[in-house]
Amino acid sequence: MAATDVSPQYRPVAKPPDFSPELTVSTYRHDGLLFWQYMVAGSIAGSVEHMAMFPVDTLKTRMQALAGSCRTQPGVRQAFTSILKLEGPAGLYRGIGAMGLGAGPAHAVYFSIYELFKESLSSGDPNNPVAHAAAGVCATVASDAVITPLDMVKQRLQLERSPYRGVGDCVRRVLMEEGIGAFYASYRTTVVMNAPFTAVHFATYEAAKRGLMEAFLVKSASDESLVVHATAGAAAGALAAAVTTPLDVVKTQLQCQGVCGCARFSSSSIRDVIRAVVNKDGYRGLMRGWIPRMLFHAPAAAICWSTYETSKSFFQRLNDSKSRGY
C-alpha cells in the first residue's frame, strides 16, 4: 500500500457542528458537574439540614453532656419540656450561629471530596458499595477538620446555663482559658465516629436509592424523584446514627468537659471517656441520646440528600443549557 493511501478505518472523523472541547469529560465529573458546583450544592444542603434540625440537636446535646455525671439523666420529653419552661423556644436555638458558620464550608468540603473519590475509586462501576464507603470516609476526615472547632462552640452554647454569651465570647474564653487545643480535643473521636457513620451512611444511601429506583421502575438518574432521595437518605441517616451513638456520647463529653457540671478528663482518650461513662452510668450511658440522635439524622439526611440532589439537578440543567448555546 502506498504511503499516501489512507485506510478507511483510520480516516479522521469530522467533528459535529456543536463540538466544544471545553465540555469534554476531562473538564466535567462523572455526572456532568464541575468541582465547585459540588461544593456549592453540598454547602446549601448542609446549611439547610442543620438549620432545620437544630432544636433536635440541642435535645441530644443536653442528654449526652451529663452522661456519666452524678446528675439524673433526662429523657427526650423531660429535656424538651425543661428547655421550653426555663428558657423558652429560644433555648432550643442557642449556638445556631456557630453551626451556621461551620455547616456550609464543612459540607462543601464533604460532598465535593466524596464525589471526587467516588469517581476515582469506583473504577467505572457506579454501584460499587466499597467505593461509596471509602469515598465517604475520605470526605469525613477532611470535613471534620473544618467543623470540629465550631461544633465544640455550638455544643457548649447548647448546654443548660451555658456561661458563654455567644459564639465570639465562647471562642475568646476558650482560647484564653484552655488554649487552641481545646477546639480539637474531640477531633480524633469525631473522625473515629464519623468514619463508620459515613461509610454506613453512604453505602446505605446508594443501595437504598438503587433499590427504590428498581421498585419504582426508575430508568435513569434524571428521572429520580425527591421521594427516592428523601427515603433513601432517611434510612441511611437512621441506621448510621444508631450504630455510632456511643462514640457521639464520647465526642460530646470531650467537647463539653468542665462546663456546666460536665466531667473533666485528663486526656482525650476514647477508652478513658468510655470507662468513666460506664463506671458512673452503666453501659446505657453510652446510648444516651440515641432517640433524638436518630430523630435528628433520619429527617436531616432526608433533607440534606434531597437538597443536594436538587442542587445538582439545577447545575446539570445549567450546564446542559450552556453546552447547547442557550
Protein backbone atom coordinates (compact mmCIF):
# COMPACT_ATOMS: atom_id res chain seq x y z
CA MET A 1 0.00 0.00 0.00
CA ALA A 2 1.35 3.39 -0.96
CA ALA A 3 2.34 5.77 1.79
CA THR A 4 -0.24 8.24 0.58
CA ASP A 5 -3.08 5.77 0.93
CA VAL A 6 -5.31 6.14 3.98
CA SER A 7 -7.16 3.05 5.15
CA PRO A 8 -10.89 3.80 5.59
CA GLN A 9 -10.92 2.69 9.22
CA TYR A 10 -8.17 5.18 10.09
CA ARG A 11 -9.58 8.23 8.36
CA PRO A 12 -10.25 11.15 10.72
CA VAL A 13 -13.85 11.58 11.78
CA ALA A 14 -15.33 15.02 11.28
CA LYS A 15 -16.36 16.71 14.49
CA PRO A 16 -20.06 17.53 14.85
CA PRO A 17 -21.03 21.21 14.45
CA ASP A 18 -21.79 21.59 18.17
CA PHE A 19 -18.50 20.04 19.32
CA SER A 20 -16.88 22.05 22.09
CA PRO A 21 -13.56 20.88 23.57
CA GLU A 22 -14.13 22.70 26.83
CA LEU A 23 -17.11 20.45 27.57
CA THR A 24 -15.27 17.15 27.33
CA VAL A 25 -15.19 14.50 30.05
CA SER A 26 -11.83 15.74 31.31
CA THR A 27 -13.45 19.00 32.36
CA TYR A 28 -16.56 17.60 34.00
CA ARG A 29 -17.06 14.99 36.66
CA HIS A 30 -18.87 11.72 36.08
CA ASP A 31 -22.39 13.18 36.22
CA GLY A 32 -21.72 16.44 34.44
CA LEU A 33 -20.76 18.83 37.26
CA LEU A 34 -17.69 20.90 37.97
CA PHE A 35 -15.87 20.58 41.29
CA TRP A 36 -17.06 23.98 42.53
CA GLN A 37 -20.65 23.02 41.73
CA TYR A 38 -20.40 20.03 44.07
CA MET A 39 -19.10 22.40 46.73
CA VAL A 40 -21.99 24.84 46.31
CA ALA A 41 -24.59 22.05 46.26
CA GLY A 42 -23.06 20.49 49.38
CA SER A 43 -22.87 23.82 51.19
CA ILE A 44 -26.55 24.53 50.54
CA ALA A 45 -27.57 21.02 51.60
CA GLY A 46 -25.58 21.10 54.84
CA SER A 47 -26.83 24.52 55.86
CA VAL A 48 -30.48 23.65 55.23
CA GLU A 49 -30.14 20.33 57.07
CA HIS A 50 -28.59 21.72 60.25
CA MET A 51 -30.72 24.83 60.47
CA ALA A 52 -33.92 22.81 60.09
CA MET A 53 -33.00 20.16 62.68
CA PHE A 54 -31.12 22.30 65.20
CA PRO A 55 -33.68 22.05 68.06
CA VAL A 56 -33.43 18.24 67.99
CA ASP A 57 -29.65 18.51 68.09
CA THR A 58 -29.95 20.69 71.19
CA LEU A 59 -32.00 17.98 72.93
CA LYS A 60 -29.38 15.36 72.04
CA THR A 61 -26.55 17.52 73.38
CA ARG A 62 -28.36 18.19 76.66
CA MET A 63 -28.99 14.47 77.18
CA GLN A 64 -25.45 13.37 76.29
CA ALA A 65 -23.41 16.07 78.01
CA LEU A 66 -24.14 14.85 81.52
CA ALA A 67 -23.96 11.12 80.77
CA GLY A 68 -21.64 9.66 83.36
CA SER A 69 -22.15 12.51 85.83
CA CYS A 70 -23.92 12.21 89.14
CA ARG A 71 -26.94 14.11 87.94
CA THR A 72 -30.21 12.43 86.90
CA GLN A 73 -30.33 11.93 83.17
CA PRO A 74 -33.39 13.45 81.45
CA GLY A 75 -35.44 11.76 78.74
CA VAL A 76 -36.43 13.40 75.46
CA ARG A 77 -39.74 14.73 76.79
CA GLN A 78 -38.23 15.95 80.04
CA ALA A 79 -35.38 17.70 78.26
CA PHE A 80 -37.74 19.37 75.79
CA THR A 81 -40.17 20.48 78.49
CA SER A 82 -37.36 21.80 80.69
CA ILE A 83 -35.89 23.93 77.91
CA LEU A 84 -39.25 25.45 76.98
CA LYS A 85 -40.15 26.12 80.63
CA LEU A 86 -36.86 27.64 81.75
CA GLU A 87 -35.53 29.23 78.56
CA GLY A 88 -38.39 29.46 76.11
CA PRO A 89 -38.21 28.46 72.43
CA ALA A 90 -35.00 30.48 72.03
CA GLY A 91 -33.23 27.95 74.24
CA LEU A 92 -33.59 25.34 71.50
CA TYR A 93 -31.57 27.55 69.17
CA ARG A 94 -28.62 28.57 71.36
CA GLY A 95 -25.45 28.01 69.36
CA ILE A 96 -27.12 28.05 65.96
CA GLY A 97 -24.78 30.86 64.89
CA ALA A 98 -21.75 28.61 65.29
CA MET A 99 -23.38 25.88 63.25
CA GLY A 100 -24.39 28.43 60.63
CA LEU A 101 -20.74 29.43 60.25
CA GLY A 102 -19.47 25.86 60.04
CA ALA A 103 -22.12 23.80 58.27
CA GLY A 104 -21.77 25.41 54.84
CA PRO A 105 -17.98 25.17 54.43
CA ALA A 106 -17.81 21.72 56.07
CA HIS A 107 -20.47 20.24 53.79
CA ALA A 108 -18.94 21.91 50.75
CA VAL A 109 -15.73 20.01 51.52
CA TYR A 110 -17.69 16.88 52.47
CA PHE A 111 -19.67 16.43 49.28
CA SER A 112 -17.02 17.63 46.84
CA ILE A 113 -14.42 15.24 48.30
CA TYR A 114 -17.00 12.45 48.29
CA GLU A 115 -17.83 12.93 44.61
CA LEU A 116 -14.15 13.23 43.70
CA PHE A 117 -13.17 9.98 45.43
CA LYS A 118 -16.37 8.20 44.44
CA GLU A 119 -15.45 8.74 40.79
CA SER A 120 -11.79 7.77 41.17
CA LEU A 121 -12.43 4.69 43.33
CA SER A 122 -15.46 3.25 41.55
CA SER A 123 -13.42 2.07 38.51
CA GLY A 124 -16.36 2.64 36.22
CA ASP A 125 -18.83 0.76 38.44
CA PRO A 126 -21.41 3.27 39.78
CA ASN A 127 -22.90 0.59 42.07
CA ASN A 128 -19.71 -0.25 43.97
CA PRO A 129 -20.59 -0.05 47.71
CA VAL A 130 -16.95 -0.33 48.78
CA ALA A 131 -16.08 2.72 46.69
CA HIS A 132 -19.03 4.63 48.17
CA ALA A 133 -17.98 3.77 51.72
CA ALA A 134 -14.29 4.57 51.13
CA ALA A 135 -15.16 7.87 49.45
CA GLY A 136 -17.37 8.75 52.40
CA VAL A 137 -14.56 8.08 54.88
CA CYS A 138 -12.17 10.32 52.93
CA ALA A 139 -14.82 13.03 52.85
CA THR A 140 -15.47 12.97 56.58
CA VAL A 141 -11.79 13.18 57.55
CA ALA A 142 -11.49 16.39 55.54
CA SER A 143 -14.81 17.95 56.58
CA ASP A 144 -14.34 17.17 60.28
CA ALA A 145 -11.19 19.28 60.30
CA VAL A 146 -13.40 22.22 59.27
CA ILE A 147 -16.42 21.65 61.51
CA THR A 148 -14.90 20.35 64.78
CA PRO A 149 -13.92 23.74 66.33
CA LEU A 150 -17.32 25.30 65.61
CA ASP A 151 -19.11 22.14 66.68
CA MET A 152 -17.38 22.42 70.05
CA VAL A 153 -18.52 26.04 70.37
CA LYS A 154 -22.03 25.07 69.33
CA GLN A 155 -22.29 22.30 71.91
CA ARG A 156 -21.03 24.47 74.77
CA LEU A 157 -23.60 27.12 73.91
CA GLN A 158 -26.34 24.48 73.84
CA LEU A 159 -25.74 23.45 77.46
CA GLU A 160 -28.16 24.37 80.21
CA ARG A 161 -26.95 27.55 81.98
CA SER A 162 -24.11 27.93 79.49
CA PRO A 163 -21.63 30.54 80.80
CA TYR A 164 -20.95 31.96 77.33
CA ARG A 165 -22.79 34.94 75.89
CA GLY A 166 -22.35 33.92 72.27
CA VAL A 167 -20.03 32.50 69.63
CA GLY A 168 -17.39 35.22 69.91
CA ASP A 169 -17.36 35.13 73.72
CA CYS A 170 -17.01 31.34 73.74
CA VAL A 171 -14.13 31.37 71.25
CA ARG A 172 -12.30 34.11 73.16
CA ARG A 173 -12.68 32.48 76.58
CA VAL A 174 -11.75 29.01 75.41
CA LEU A 175 -8.59 30.39 73.77
CA MET A 176 -7.63 32.27 76.92
CA GLU A 177 -8.53 29.60 79.47
CA GLU A 178 -7.86 26.30 77.67
CA GLY A 179 -5.79 27.07 74.59
CA ILE A 180 -6.35 26.30 70.93
CA GLY A 181 -6.04 22.57 71.54
CA ALA A 182 -9.46 22.59 73.24
CA PHE A 183 -11.10 23.23 69.88
CA TYR A 184 -9.70 19.96 68.55
CA ALA A 185 -9.87 17.84 71.73
CA SER A 186 -12.63 15.75 70.14
CA TYR A 187 -11.25 15.64 66.58
CA ARG A 188 -9.85 12.12 66.86
CA THR A 189 -13.09 10.86 68.38
CA THR A 190 -15.10 12.72 65.74
CA VAL A 191 -13.15 11.06 62.92
CA VAL A 192 -13.33 7.64 64.58
CA MET A 193 -17.10 8.12 64.93
CA ASN A 194 -17.79 9.69 61.56
CA ALA A 195 -15.67 7.25 59.54
CA PRO A 196 -18.00 4.29 60.24
CA PHE A 197 -21.00 6.65 60.31
CA THR A 198 -20.19 7.95 56.85
CA ALA A 199 -19.28 4.52 55.49
CA VAL A 200 -22.62 3.10 56.65
CA HIS A 201 -24.47 6.25 55.59
CA PHE A 202 -23.20 6.49 52.02
CA ALA A 203 -23.26 2.75 51.34
CA THR A 204 -26.82 2.50 52.71
CA TYR A 205 -27.94 5.59 50.80
CA GLU A 206 -26.62 4.38 47.45
CA ALA A 207 -28.02 0.86 48.00
CA ALA A 208 -31.40 2.14 49.19
CA LYS A 209 -31.62 4.61 46.30
CA ARG A 210 -30.82 1.86 43.82
CA GLY A 211 -33.42 -0.44 45.38
CA LEU A 212 -36.08 2.27 45.36
CA MET A 213 -35.32 3.13 41.74
CA GLU A 214 -35.82 -0.52 40.81
CA ALA A 215 -39.02 -0.73 42.86
CA PHE A 216 -40.44 2.42 41.26
CA LEU A 217 -39.14 1.38 37.81
CA VAL A 218 -36.98 4.50 37.51
CA LYS A 219 -34.77 4.02 34.46
CA SER A 220 -32.33 6.93 34.67
CA ALA A 221 -30.82 9.34 37.17
CA SER A 222 -32.67 12.22 35.56
CA ASP A 223 -35.97 10.57 36.50
CA GLU A 224 -35.15 10.18 40.20
CA SER A 225 -37.71 11.82 42.45
CA LEU A 226 -37.36 13.66 45.74
CA VAL A 227 -39.24 10.76 47.36
CA VAL A 228 -36.42 8.40 46.39
CA HIS A 229 -33.70 10.71 47.71
CA ALA A 230 -35.58 11.52 50.92
CA THR A 231 -36.48 7.91 51.72
CA ALA A 232 -33.00 6.58 51.00
CA GLY A 233 -31.44 9.43 52.97
CA ALA A 234 -33.70 8.87 55.98
CA ALA A 235 -32.91 5.15 56.08
CA ALA A 236 -29.18 5.81 55.79
CA GLY A 237 -29.20 8.52 58.44
CA ALA A 238 -31.18 6.50 60.98
CA LEU A 239 -29.03 3.37 60.64
CA ALA A 240 -25.72 5.24 60.77
CA ALA A 241 -26.87 7.28 63.79
CA ALA A 242 -27.89 4.22 65.79
CA VAL A 243 -24.61 2.41 65.12
CA THR A 244 -22.38 5.30 66.20
CA THR A 245 -24.24 6.73 69.22
CA PRO A 246 -21.64 5.56 71.81
CA LEU A 247 -18.87 7.47 70.04
CA ASP A 248 -21.12 10.52 69.76
CA VAL A 249 -21.53 10.43 73.56
CA VAL A 250 -17.73 10.39 73.90
CA LYS A 251 -17.43 13.33 71.49
CA THR A 252 -19.97 15.40 73.41
CA GLN A 253 -18.26 14.60 76.72
CA LEU A 254 -14.90 15.79 75.39
CA GLN A 255 -16.30 18.96 73.86
CA CYS A 256 -18.27 19.99 76.95
CA GLN A 257 -15.87 18.83 79.66
CA GLY A 258 -15.58 21.11 82.67
CA VAL A 259 -18.59 23.23 81.66
CA CYS A 260 -21.95 23.30 83.47
CA GLY A 261 -21.17 20.31 85.68
CA CYS A 262 -19.75 18.08 82.95
CA ALA A 263 -16.85 15.83 83.96
CA ARG A 264 -13.31 16.83 83.02
CA PHE A 265 -10.85 14.30 81.59
CA SER A 266 -7.08 14.22 81.89
CA SER A 267 -6.72 13.14 78.25
CA SER A 268 -8.78 12.86 75.09
CA SER A 269 -8.52 9.07 75.13
CA ILE A 270 -11.71 7.44 73.85
CA ARG A 271 -11.13 4.46 76.14
CA ASP A 272 -10.84 6.66 79.25
CA VAL A 273 -14.06 8.50 78.48
CA ILE A 274 -15.95 5.28 77.79
CA ARG A 275 -14.68 3.81 81.06
CA ALA A 276 -15.76 6.91 83.01
CA VAL A 277 -19.24 6.87 81.48
CA VAL A 278 -19.72 3.15 82.12
CA ASN A 279 -18.47 3.43 85.71
CA LYS A 280 -20.89 6.26 86.52
CA ASP A 281 -23.93 5.38 84.41
CA GLY A 282 -23.50 1.82 83.17
CA TYR A 283 -23.46 0.78 79.54
CA ARG A 284 -26.77 2.53 78.97
CA GLY A 285 -24.87 5.78 79.40
CA LEU A 286 -23.15 5.10 76.07
CA MET A 287 -26.53 5.10 74.34
CA ARG A 288 -27.68 8.32 75.99
CA GLY A 289 -29.44 10.50 73.42
CA TRP A 290 -29.85 7.79 70.80
CA ILE A 291 -33.52 8.62 70.28
CA PRO A 292 -33.04 12.35 69.50
CA ARG A 293 -29.91 11.40 67.54
CA MET A 294 -31.96 9.14 65.27
CA LEU A 295 -34.78 11.69 65.22
CA PHE A 296 -32.17 14.21 64.06
CA HIS A 297 -30.29 12.17 61.48
CA ALA A 298 -33.21 10.44 59.72
CA PRO A 299 -35.03 13.63 58.64
CA ALA A 300 -31.77 15.58 58.47
CA ALA A 301 -30.33 13.11 55.97
CA ALA A 302 -33.58 13.16 54.01
CA ILE A 303 -33.45 16.97 53.87
CA CYS A 304 -29.73 17.02 53.09
CA TRP A 305 -29.79 14.47 50.27
CA SER A 306 -32.96 15.92 48.73
CA THR A 307 -31.47 19.42 48.77
CA TYR A 308 -28.12 18.17 47.48
CA GLU A 309 -29.62 16.18 44.60
CA THR A 310 -31.95 19.07 43.72
CA SER A 311 -28.99 21.47 43.63
CA LYS A 312 -27.05 19.02 41.46
CA SER A 313 -30.01 18.78 39.07
CA PHE A 314 -30.07 22.56 38.81
CA PHE A 315 -26.39 22.68 37.87
CA GLN A 316 -26.82 19.81 35.41
CA ARG A 317 -29.59 21.69 33.62
CA LEU A 318 -27.47 24.84 33.69
CA ASN A 319 -24.51 23.01 32.15
CA ASP A 320 -26.72 21.38 29.52
CA SER A 321 -28.20 24.74 28.50
CA LYS A 322 -24.70 26.23 28.17
CA SER A 323 -23.50 23.30 26.08
CA ARG A 324 -26.42 23.86 23.70
CA GLY A 325 -25.67 27.58 23.48
CA TYR A 326 -28.87 28.75 25.20
